[in-house]
Amino acid sequence: MEKIGRVARSVLSLNRHREYTHLMRMLRLRPSDRLLDVGSGDGFWTVRFASQCARVVGLEPDEQLLGMAKRLHTAPNLTYVRGVAE
């Protein structure tokens, strides 16, 4: 099962550079910005946002994804919190 997950992530990540470029163009983040990433998932995008901002908080309700984010995608100006936005 883990091998299938790795293969799927590999295939799905082919367009991530393009997605990132598009997101950065849309968000127009500045170094002084603070960002809340609602539904931060495994933190893939959250840590990238943190490279562009002063402070980022990733909000994620799923405990497993939150744990993955904390293990895989960290930065000094990034915090992950378990919770929902509703």
C-alpha atoms as a PDB file:
ATOM      1  CA  MET A   1       0.000   0.000   0.000  1.00  0.00           C
ATOM      2  CA  GLU A   2       2.813   2.433   0.851  1.00  0.00           C
ATOM      3  CA  LYS A   3       4.469   1.767  -2.524  1.00  0.00           C
ATOM      4  CA  ILE A   4       1.217   2.673  -4.308  1.00  0.00           C
ATOM      5  CA  GLY A   5       1.067   5.849  -2.235  1.00  0.00           C
ATOM      6  CA  ARG A   6       4.610   6.815  -3.271  1.00  0.00           C
ATOM      7  CA  VAL A   7       3.857   6.190  -6.941  1.00  0.00           C
ATOM      8  CA  ALA A   8       0.629   8.201  -6.758  1.00  0.00           C
ATOM      9  CA  ARG A   9       2.407  11.113  -5.042  1.00  0.00           C
ATOM     10  CA  SER A  10       5.080  11.028  -7.713  1.00  0.00           C
ATOM     11  CA  VAL A  11       2.561  11.178 -10.551  1.00  0.00           C
ATOM     12  CA  LEU A  12       0.444  13.818  -8.833  1.00  0.00           C
ATOM     13  CA  SER A  13       3.464  16.022  -8.164  1.00  0.00           C
ATOM     14  CA  LEU A  14       4.349  16.444 -11.844  1.00  0.00           C
ATOM     15  CA  ASN A  15       2.357  19.669 -12.104  1.00  0.00           C
ATOM     16  CA  ARG A  16       3.121  20.998  -8.628  1.00  0.00           C
ATOM     17  CA  HIS A  17       5.719  23.478  -9.882  1.00  0.00           C
ATOM     18  CA  ARG A  18       3.122  24.980 -12.200  1.00  0.00           C
ATOM     19  CA  GLU A  19       0.536  24.988  -9.400  1.00  0.00           C
ATOM     20  CA  TYR A  20       2.997  26.725  -7.070  1.00  0.00           C
ATOM     21  CA  THR A  21       3.744  29.412  -9.654  1.00  0.00           C
ATOM     22  CA  HIS A  22       0.025  29.989 -10.146  1.00  0.00           C
ATOM     23  CA  LEU A  23      -0.682  30.100  -6.400  1.00  0.00           C
ATOM     24  CA  MET A  24       2.117  32.594  -5.775  1.00  0.00           C
ATOM     25  CA  ARG A  25       0.823  34.808  -8.566  1.00  0.00           C
ATOM     26  CA  MET A  26      -2.698  34.700  -7.104  1.00  0.00           C
ATOM     27  CA  LEU A  27      -1.700  35.208  -3.468  1.00  0.00           C
ATOM     28  CA  ARG A  28       0.936  37.902  -4.019  1.00  0.00           C
ATOM     29  CA  LEU A  29       2.540  37.059  -0.685  1.00  0.00           C
ATOM     30  CA  ARG A  30       4.913  39.544   0.914  1.00  0.00           C
ATOM     31  CA  PRO A  31       7.675  38.795   3.422  1.00  0.00           C
ATOM     32  CA  SER A  32       5.701  40.575   6.178  1.00  0.00           C
ATOM     33  CA  ASP A  33       2.468  38.590   5.598  1.00  0.00           C
ATOM     34  CA  ARG A  34       0.892  36.141   8.020  1.00  0.00           C
ATOM     35  CA  LEU A  35      -1.026  33.283   6.472  1.00  0.00           C
ATOM     36  CA  LEU A  36      -3.527  30.725   7.755  1.00  0.00           C
ATOM     37  CA  ASP A  37      -3.612  27.602   5.580  1.00  0.00           C
ATOM     38  CA  VAL A  38      -7.025  26.047   6.285  1.00  0.00           C
ATOM     39  CA  GLY A  39      -6.980  22.345   5.501  1.00  0.00           C
ATOM     40  CA  SER A  40      -3.199  22.212   5.297  1.00  0.00           C
ATOM     41  CA  GLY A  41      -3.137  18.445   4.756  1.00  0.00           C
ATOM     42  CA  ASP A  42       0.352  16.950   4.791  1.00  0.00           C
ATOM     43  CA  GLY A  43       1.957  20.414   4.754  1.00  0.00           C
ATOM     44  CA  PHE A  44       3.343  20.283   1.210  1.00  0.00           C
ATOM     45  CA  TRP A  45       2.000  23.720   0.253  1.00  0.00           C
ATOM     46  CA  THR A  46       2.085  25.108   3.796  1.00  0.00           C
ATOM     47  CA  VAL A  47       5.870  24.908   4.095  1.00  0.00           C
ATOM     48  CA  ARG A  48       6.236  26.526   0.686  1.00  0.00           C
ATOM     49  CA  PHE A  49       4.004  29.399   1.786  1.00  0.00           C
ATOM     50  CA  ALA A  50       6.219  29.722   4.858  1.00  0.00           C
ATOM     51  CA  SER A  51       9.208  30.376   2.610  1.00  0.00           C
ATOM     52  CA  GLN A  52       7.421  33.509   1.369  1.00  0.00           C
ATOM     53  CA  CYS A  53       5.853  34.863   4.602  1.00  0.00           C
ATOM     54  CA  ALA A  54       6.750  36.048   8.066  1.00  0.00           C
ATOM     55  CA  ARG A  55       4.454  33.538   9.785  1.00  0.00           C
ATOM     56  CA  VAL A  56       2.269  30.607   8.671  1.00  0.00           C
ATOM     57  CA  VAL A  57      -0.179  28.432  10.591  1.00  0.00           C
ATOM     58  CA  GLY A  58      -1.437  25.202   9.031  1.00  0.00           C
ATOM     59  CA  LEU A  59      -4.884  24.233  10.322  1.00  0.00           C
ATOM     60  CA  GLU A  60      -5.771  20.564   9.742  1.00  0.00           C
ATOM     61  CA  PRO A  61      -8.509  18.404  11.320  1.00  0.00           C
ATOM     62  CA  ASP A  62      -7.025  15.022  10.342  1.00  0.00           C
ATOM     63  CA  GLU A  63      -4.622  13.813  13.014  1.00  0.00           C
ATOM     64  CA  GLN A  64      -2.717  11.521  10.631  1.00  0.00           C
ATOM     65  CA  LEU A  65      -2.129  14.255   8.026  1.00  0.00           C
ATOM     66  CA  LEU A  66      -1.190  16.694  10.775  1.00  0.00           C
ATOM     67  CA  GLY A  67       1.422  14.256  12.083  1.00  0.00           C
ATOM     68  CA  MET A  68       2.787  13.780   8.596  1.00  0.00           C
ATOM     69  CA  ALA A  69       3.067  17.543   8.098  1.00  0.00           C
ATOM     70  CA  LYS A  70       4.911  17.962  11.388  1.00  0.00           C
ATOM     71  CA  ARG A  71       7.378  15.227  10.405  1.00  0.00           C
ATOM     72  CA  LEU A  72       7.945  16.115   6.764  1.00  0.00           C
ATOM     73  CA  HIS A  73       7.382  19.836   6.222  1.00  0.00           C
ATOM     74  CA  THR A  74       8.754  22.144   8.886  1.00  0.00           C
ATOM     75  CA  ALA A  75      10.142  25.671   9.062  1.00  0.00           C
ATOM     76  CA  PRO A  76      11.023  28.013  11.936  1.00  0.00           C
ATOM     77  CA  ASN A  77       8.095  30.337  11.106  1.00  0.00           C
ATOM     78  CA  LEU A  78       5.557  27.514  10.643  1.00  0.00           C
ATOM     79  CA  THR A  79       3.154  26.019  13.166  1.00  0.00           C
ATOM     80  CA  TYR A  80       0.610  23.263  12.639  1.00  0.00           C
ATOM     81  CA  VAL A  81      -2.609  23.163  14.666  1.00  0.00           C
ATOM     82  CA  ARG A  82      -5.313  20.517  14.778  1.00  0.00           C
ATOM     83  CA  GLY A  83      -8.739  22.013  14.222  1.00  0.00           C
ATOM     84  CA  VAL A  84     -11.520  22.904  11.834  1.00  0.00           C
ATOM     85  CA  ALA A  85     -12.441  26.236  10.297  1.00  0.00           C
ATOM     86  CA  GLU A  86     -16.244  26.015  10.539  1.00  0.00           C
END
